[in-house]
Amino acid sequence: MENDGIENSTCCKIPHTNREFWVKKIQRNQARDIEQQHRLARLGWHCITIWECELKPSLREQTLDSLAFTLNHIWLEDHGAKVKSYSPSDDVDMRVPLAAEGEMEYEGRKNEEKRKEP
């Protein structure tokens, strides 16, 4: 491969014929895309690029999860929400994080509440 800064990827192959033309065209497109994204950002827009190859069945779920995370993060930042990362303390078992009462304890209260009703 020539040292032109453009590499083949799994979803984008540079043609072998007239390679110099295609490399220059791709570089111009990349520079144009960056400038347009900056222009849109100055107007308050957010740009997210999803490549067709990222929607193939083997990557689709990961891509959509990443998109959902990014959109949520953008929304929180745009609406002034404080974004804070939490790290569990050493004494918390994060293999099965639960934030609920045990079933027996809950059922007991539920039955107790029924008995109190007139």
N, C-alpha and C. Protein backbone atom coordinates (compact mmCIF):
# COMPACT_ATOMS: atom_id res chain seq x y z
N MET A 1 0.83 -1.19 0.00
CA MET A 1 0.00 0.00 0.00
C MET A 1 0.88 1.25 0.00
N GLU A 2 0.47 2.23 -0.74
CA GLU A 2 1.19 3.49 -0.78
C GLU A 2 0.93 4.26 0.51
N ASN A 3 1.85 5.14 0.87
CA ASN A 3 1.69 5.93 2.09
C ASN A 3 0.92 7.21 1.77
N ASP A 4 -0.40 7.07 1.53
CA ASP A 4 -1.23 8.22 1.19
C ASP A 4 -2.24 8.54 2.30
N GLY A 5 -2.15 7.82 3.42
CA GLY A 5 -3.04 8.09 4.54
C GLY A 5 -4.41 7.47 4.41
N ILE A 6 -4.67 6.79 3.32
CA ILE A 6 -5.97 6.15 3.11
C ILE A 6 -5.75 4.64 3.14
N GLU A 7 -6.54 3.96 3.96
CA GLU A 7 -6.42 2.51 4.06
C GLU A 7 -7.73 1.85 3.68
N ASN A 8 -7.63 0.64 3.18
CA ASN A 8 -8.82 -0.16 2.95
C ASN A 8 -9.39 -0.58 4.29
N SER A 9 -10.69 -0.71 4.37
CA SER A 9 -11.33 -1.24 5.56
C SER A 9 -12.25 -2.37 5.12
N THR A 10 -12.95 -2.96 6.06
CA THR A 10 -13.82 -4.08 5.70
C THR A 10 -14.98 -3.63 4.80
N CYS A 11 -15.36 -2.37 4.89
CA CYS A 11 -16.49 -1.94 4.07
C CYS A 11 -16.11 -0.89 3.02
N CYS A 12 -14.84 -0.55 2.94
CA CYS A 12 -14.41 0.45 1.95
C CYS A 12 -13.09 0.01 1.33
N LYS A 13 -13.14 -0.29 0.08
CA LYS A 13 -11.95 -0.71 -0.64
C LYS A 13 -11.59 0.35 -1.67
N ILE A 14 -10.33 0.77 -1.66
CA ILE A 14 -9.85 1.75 -2.64
C ILE A 14 -9.60 1.01 -3.94
N PRO A 15 -10.18 1.47 -5.04
CA PRO A 15 -9.92 0.80 -6.33
C PRO A 15 -8.44 0.82 -6.68
N HIS A 16 -7.98 -0.24 -7.29
CA HIS A 16 -6.57 -0.33 -7.70
C HIS A 16 -6.31 0.52 -8.93
N THR A 17 -7.32 0.65 -9.80
CA THR A 17 -7.14 1.47 -10.99
C THR A 17 -7.41 2.92 -10.64
N ASN A 18 -6.56 3.79 -11.12
CA ASN A 18 -6.69 5.23 -10.89
C ASN A 18 -6.72 5.55 -9.39
N ARG A 19 -5.88 4.87 -8.64
CA ARG A 19 -5.84 5.00 -7.18
C ARG A 19 -5.62 6.44 -6.74
N GLU A 20 -4.73 7.16 -7.40
CA GLU A 20 -4.42 8.55 -7.00
C GLU A 20 -5.68 9.41 -7.04
N PHE A 21 -6.50 9.26 -8.08
CA PHE A 21 -7.76 10.00 -8.18
C PHE A 21 -8.67 9.69 -6.99
N TRP A 22 -8.84 8.40 -6.68
CA TRP A 22 -9.76 8.00 -5.61
C TRP A 22 -9.27 8.45 -4.24
N VAL A 23 -7.97 8.37 -4.01
CA VAL A 23 -7.41 8.81 -2.73
C VAL A 23 -7.66 10.30 -2.54
N LYS A 24 -7.40 11.08 -3.57
CA LYS A 24 -7.63 12.54 -3.47
C LYS A 24 -9.11 12.84 -3.26
N LYS A 25 -9.97 12.11 -3.97
CA LYS A 25 -11.42 12.31 -3.84
C LYS A 25 -11.88 12.00 -2.41
N ILE A 26 -11.40 10.89 -1.85
CA ILE A 26 -11.78 10.51 -0.48
C ILE A 26 -11.27 11.54 0.51
N GLN A 27 -10.04 12.00 0.33
CA GLN A 27 -9.49 13.02 1.23
C GLN A 27 -10.28 14.32 1.16
N ARG A 28 -10.68 14.73 -0.06
CA ARG A 28 -11.52 15.94 -0.19
C ARG A 28 -12.87 15.74 0.49
N ASN A 29 -13.47 14.56 0.31
CA ASN A 29 -14.76 14.27 0.95
C ASN A 29 -14.64 14.30 2.47
N GLN A 30 -13.56 13.71 3.02
CA GLN A 30 -13.36 13.71 4.46
C GLN A 30 -13.21 15.14 4.99
N ALA A 31 -12.41 15.95 4.30
CA ALA A 31 -12.21 17.35 4.72
C ALA A 31 -13.53 18.12 4.64
N ARG A 32 -14.30 17.90 3.58
CA ARG A 32 -15.60 18.57 3.43
C ARG A 32 -16.55 18.15 4.53
N ASP A 33 -16.59 16.85 4.83
CA ASP A 33 -17.48 16.36 5.88
C ASP A 33 -17.14 16.98 7.23
N ILE A 34 -15.87 17.07 7.56
CA ILE A 34 -15.45 17.67 8.83
C ILE A 34 -15.86 19.14 8.89
N GLU A 35 -15.64 19.86 7.81
CA GLU A 35 -16.02 21.28 7.78
C GLU A 35 -17.53 21.44 7.92
N GLN A 36 -18.31 20.61 7.25
CA GLN A 36 -19.77 20.69 7.35
C GLN A 36 -20.25 20.35 8.76
N GLN A 37 -19.61 19.37 9.39
CA GLN A 37 -19.98 19.04 10.77
C GLN A 37 -19.68 20.20 11.71
N HIS A 38 -18.54 20.86 11.50
CA HIS A 38 -18.22 22.04 12.32
C HIS A 38 -19.23 23.16 12.09
N ARG A 39 -19.61 23.36 10.83
CA ARG A 39 -20.62 24.39 10.52
C ARG A 39 -21.93 24.10 11.23
N LEU A 40 -22.37 22.84 11.16
CA LEU A 40 -23.62 22.46 11.80
C LEU A 40 -23.51 22.57 13.33
N ALA A 41 -22.36 22.24 13.88
CA ALA A 41 -22.15 22.35 15.33
C ALA A 41 -22.27 23.81 15.77
N ARG A 42 -21.75 24.73 14.96
CA ARG A 42 -21.85 26.15 15.31
C ARG A 42 -23.31 26.61 15.31
N LEU A 43 -24.15 25.91 14.55
CA LEU A 43 -25.58 26.23 14.51
C LEU A 43 -26.37 25.48 15.57
N GLY A 44 -25.68 24.67 16.39
CA GLY A 44 -26.34 23.95 17.47
C GLY A 44 -26.74 22.52 17.15
N TRP A 45 -26.34 22.02 16.00
CA TRP A 45 -26.67 20.65 15.61
C TRP A 45 -25.58 19.69 16.05
N HIS A 46 -25.97 18.45 16.26
CA HIS A 46 -25.03 17.36 16.54
C HIS A 46 -25.03 16.43 15.33
N CYS A 47 -23.87 15.98 14.93
CA CYS A 47 -23.76 15.06 13.79
C CYS A 47 -23.26 13.70 14.28
N ILE A 48 -23.94 12.68 13.85
CA ILE A 48 -23.54 11.31 14.18
C ILE A 48 -23.43 10.57 12.85
N THR A 49 -22.31 9.94 12.62
CA THR A 49 -22.10 9.20 11.38
C THR A 49 -22.20 7.71 11.67
N ILE A 50 -23.06 7.05 10.93
CA ILE A 50 -23.18 5.60 11.01
C ILE A 50 -22.94 5.06 9.61
N TRP A 51 -21.94 4.21 9.50
CA TRP A 51 -21.60 3.63 8.21
C TRP A 51 -22.49 2.41 7.94
N GLU A 52 -22.78 2.19 6.68
CA GLU A 52 -23.61 1.07 6.28
C GLU A 52 -23.08 -0.25 6.85
N CYS A 53 -21.77 -0.43 6.85
CA CYS A 53 -21.19 -1.68 7.33
C CYS A 53 -21.42 -1.88 8.83
N GLU A 54 -21.71 -0.80 9.57
CA GLU A 54 -21.98 -0.90 11.00
C GLU A 54 -23.40 -1.38 11.29
N LEU A 55 -24.22 -1.52 10.24
CA LEU A 55 -25.59 -1.99 10.40
C LEU A 55 -25.76 -3.42 9.91
N LYS A 56 -24.65 -4.08 9.55
CA LYS A 56 -24.73 -5.49 9.19
C LYS A 56 -25.18 -6.26 10.42
N PRO A 57 -25.87 -7.38 10.24
CA PRO A 57 -26.43 -8.11 11.38
C PRO A 57 -25.44 -8.37 12.52
N SER A 58 -24.19 -8.66 12.22
CA SER A 58 -23.23 -8.98 13.28
C SER A 58 -22.87 -7.77 14.14
N LEU A 59 -23.05 -6.55 13.64
CA LEU A 59 -22.69 -5.33 14.37
C LEU A 59 -23.89 -4.46 14.73
N ARG A 60 -25.06 -4.79 14.19
CA ARG A 60 -26.22 -3.90 14.32
C ARG A 60 -26.59 -3.58 15.76
N GLU A 61 -26.68 -4.60 16.62
CA GLU A 61 -27.09 -4.35 18.01
C GLU A 61 -26.08 -3.46 18.73
N GLN A 62 -24.81 -3.73 18.53
CA GLN A 62 -23.76 -2.91 19.16
C GLN A 62 -23.84 -1.47 18.65
N THR A 63 -24.05 -1.29 17.35
CA THR A 63 -24.15 0.05 16.76
C THR A 63 -25.36 0.80 17.32
N LEU A 64 -26.50 0.12 17.40
CA LEU A 64 -27.71 0.78 17.90
C LEU A 64 -27.60 1.10 19.39
N ASP A 65 -26.95 0.22 20.16
CA ASP A 65 -26.71 0.53 21.58
C ASP A 65 -25.82 1.76 21.71
N SER A 66 -24.80 1.81 20.90
CA SER A 66 -23.88 2.96 20.93
C SER A 66 -24.62 4.24 20.52
N LEU A 67 -25.48 4.15 19.52
CA LEU A 67 -26.27 5.30 19.09
C LEU A 67 -27.20 5.77 20.21
N ALA A 68 -27.87 4.83 20.87
CA ALA A 68 -28.78 5.20 21.97
C ALA A 68 -28.00 5.87 23.09
N PHE A 69 -26.84 5.33 23.44
CA PHE A 69 -26.01 5.93 24.49
C PHE A 69 -25.62 7.35 24.10
N THR A 70 -25.17 7.53 22.86
CA THR A 70 -24.73 8.84 22.38
C THR A 70 -25.88 9.85 22.39
N LEU A 71 -27.04 9.44 21.91
CA LEU A 71 -28.20 10.34 21.89
C LEU A 71 -28.62 10.73 23.31
N ASN A 72 -28.62 9.77 24.22
CA ASN A 72 -28.96 10.08 25.62
C ASN A 72 -27.95 11.04 26.23
N HIS A 73 -26.68 10.80 25.97
CA HIS A 73 -25.62 11.67 26.50
C HIS A 73 -25.78 13.09 25.95
N ILE A 74 -26.02 13.22 24.66
CA ILE A 74 -26.22 14.53 24.04
C ILE A 74 -27.42 15.23 24.67
N TRP A 75 -28.52 14.50 24.83
CA TRP A 75 -29.73 15.09 25.40
C TRP A 75 -29.46 15.60 26.81
N LEU A 76 -28.79 14.78 27.63
CA LEU A 76 -28.49 15.19 29.00
C LEU A 76 -27.60 16.42 29.03
N GLU A 77 -26.58 16.46 28.19
CA GLU A 77 -25.71 17.63 28.16
C GLU A 77 -26.45 18.87 27.68
N ASP A 78 -27.27 18.73 26.65
CA ASP A 78 -28.00 19.87 26.11
C ASP A 78 -29.04 20.42 27.07
N HIS A 79 -29.53 19.59 27.98
CA HIS A 79 -30.56 20.03 28.91
C HIS A 79 -29.99 20.31 30.30
N GLY A 80 -28.70 20.47 30.37
CA GLY A 80 -28.07 20.91 31.61
C GLY A 80 -28.03 19.88 32.72
N ALA A 81 -28.24 18.63 32.39
CA ALA A 81 -28.18 17.60 33.42
C ALA A 81 -26.72 17.34 33.78
N LYS A 82 -26.50 17.09 35.03
CA LYS A 82 -25.15 16.76 35.47
C LYS A 82 -24.90 15.29 35.12
N VAL A 83 -23.89 15.05 34.35
CA VAL A 83 -23.54 13.69 33.97
C VAL A 83 -22.45 13.23 34.91
N LYS A 84 -22.75 12.19 35.68
CA LYS A 84 -21.81 11.72 36.69
C LYS A 84 -21.63 10.22 36.52
N SER A 85 -20.40 9.78 36.56
CA SER A 85 -20.11 8.36 36.50
C SER A 85 -20.06 7.81 37.91
N TYR A 86 -20.61 6.66 38.11
CA TYR A 86 -20.59 6.01 39.41
C TYR A 86 -19.68 4.80 39.34
N SER A 87 -18.87 4.63 40.34
CA SER A 87 -18.07 3.42 40.44
C SER A 87 -18.44 2.75 41.75
N PRO A 88 -18.73 1.47 41.68
CA PRO A 88 -19.16 0.77 42.89
C PRO A 88 -18.03 0.67 43.90
N SER A 89 -18.41 0.65 45.16
CA SER A 89 -17.41 0.47 46.20
C SER A 89 -16.97 -0.98 46.22
N ASP A 90 -15.89 -1.27 46.91
CA ASP A 90 -15.33 -2.61 46.93
C ASP A 90 -16.27 -3.64 47.55
N ASP A 91 -17.14 -3.21 48.47
CA ASP A 91 -18.00 -4.17 49.16
C ASP A 91 -19.30 -4.48 48.42
N VAL A 92 -19.49 -3.91 47.23
CA VAL A 92 -20.71 -4.15 46.46
C VAL A 92 -20.42 -5.17 45.37
N ASP A 93 -21.22 -6.22 45.32
CA ASP A 93 -21.08 -7.25 44.29
C ASP A 93 -21.87 -6.79 43.07
N MET A 94 -21.17 -6.40 41.99
CA MET A 94 -21.84 -5.86 40.81
C MET A 94 -22.19 -6.93 39.78
N ARG A 95 -21.96 -8.21 40.11
CA ARG A 95 -22.34 -9.25 39.15
C ARG A 95 -23.85 -9.29 38.97
N VAL A 96 -24.59 -9.04 40.03
CA VAL A 96 -26.05 -9.02 39.97
C VAL A 96 -26.52 -7.80 40.75
N PRO A 97 -26.45 -6.61 40.15
CA PRO A 97 -26.89 -5.43 40.87
C PRO A 97 -28.40 -5.41 41.04
N LEU A 98 -28.87 -5.30 42.28
CA LEU A 98 -30.30 -5.26 42.55
C LEU A 98 -30.63 -4.01 43.35
N ALA A 99 -31.76 -3.46 43.07
CA ALA A 99 -32.23 -2.29 43.81
C ALA A 99 -33.67 -2.53 44.22
N ALA A 100 -33.94 -3.71 44.77
CA ALA A 100 -35.30 -4.04 45.16
C ALA A 100 -35.29 -4.86 46.43
N GLU A 101 -36.44 -4.94 47.06
CA GLU A 101 -36.57 -5.77 48.25
C GLU A 101 -36.62 -7.23 47.83
N GLY A 102 -36.32 -8.10 48.77
CA GLY A 102 -36.47 -9.52 48.50
C GLY A 102 -37.93 -9.86 48.30
N GLU A 103 -38.21 -10.90 47.54
CA GLU A 103 -39.58 -11.26 47.21
C GLU A 103 -40.40 -11.60 48.45
N MET A 104 -39.82 -12.37 49.37
CA MET A 104 -40.55 -12.76 50.58
C MET A 104 -40.92 -11.53 51.41
N GLU A 105 -39.99 -10.63 51.57
CA GLU A 105 -40.24 -9.43 52.36
C GLU A 105 -41.38 -8.63 51.73
N TYR A 106 -41.35 -8.50 50.42
CA TYR A 106 -42.38 -7.74 49.72
C TYR A 106 -43.74 -8.42 49.85
N GLU A 107 -43.79 -9.72 49.64
CA GLU A 107 -45.06 -10.45 49.72
C GLU A 107 -45.65 -10.32 51.12
N GLY A 108 -44.80 -10.35 52.15
CA GLY A 108 -45.29 -10.21 53.52
C GLY A 108 -45.96 -8.87 53.74
N ARG A 109 -45.36 -7.82 53.26
CA ARG A 109 -45.95 -6.48 53.40
C ARG A 109 -47.24 -6.37 52.61
N LYS A 110 -47.24 -6.98 51.44
CA LYS A 110 -48.41 -6.92 50.57
C LYS A 110 -49.60 -7.59 51.27
N ASN A 111 -49.38 -8.77 51.85
CA ASN A 111 -50.45 -9.47 52.56
C ASN A 111 -50.89 -8.70 53.79
N GLU A 112 -49.95 -8.07 54.48
CA GLU A 112 -50.24 -7.28 55.67
C GLU A 112 -51.14 -6.09 55.30
N GLU A 113 -50.85 -5.46 54.15
CA GLU A 113 -51.63 -4.31 53.70
C GLU A 113 -53.05 -4.73 53.36
N LYS A 114 -53.21 -5.94 52.78
CA LYS A 114 -54.56 -6.43 52.45
C LYS A 114 -55.40 -6.62 53.69
N ARG A 115 -54.78 -7.11 54.76
CA ARG A 115 -55.51 -7.34 56.01
C ARG A 115 -55.98 -6.05 56.63
N LYS A 116 -55.27 -4.95 56.40
CA LYS A 116 -55.61 -3.66 56.98
C LYS A 116 -56.77 -2.99 56.28
N GLU A 117 -57.05 -3.40 55.03
CA GLU A 117 -58.13 -2.76 54.27
C GLU A 117 -59.46 -3.05 54.93
N PRO A 118 -60.41 -2.06 54.95
CA PRO A 118 -61.74 -2.27 55.60
C PRO A 118 -62.62 -3.19 54.80
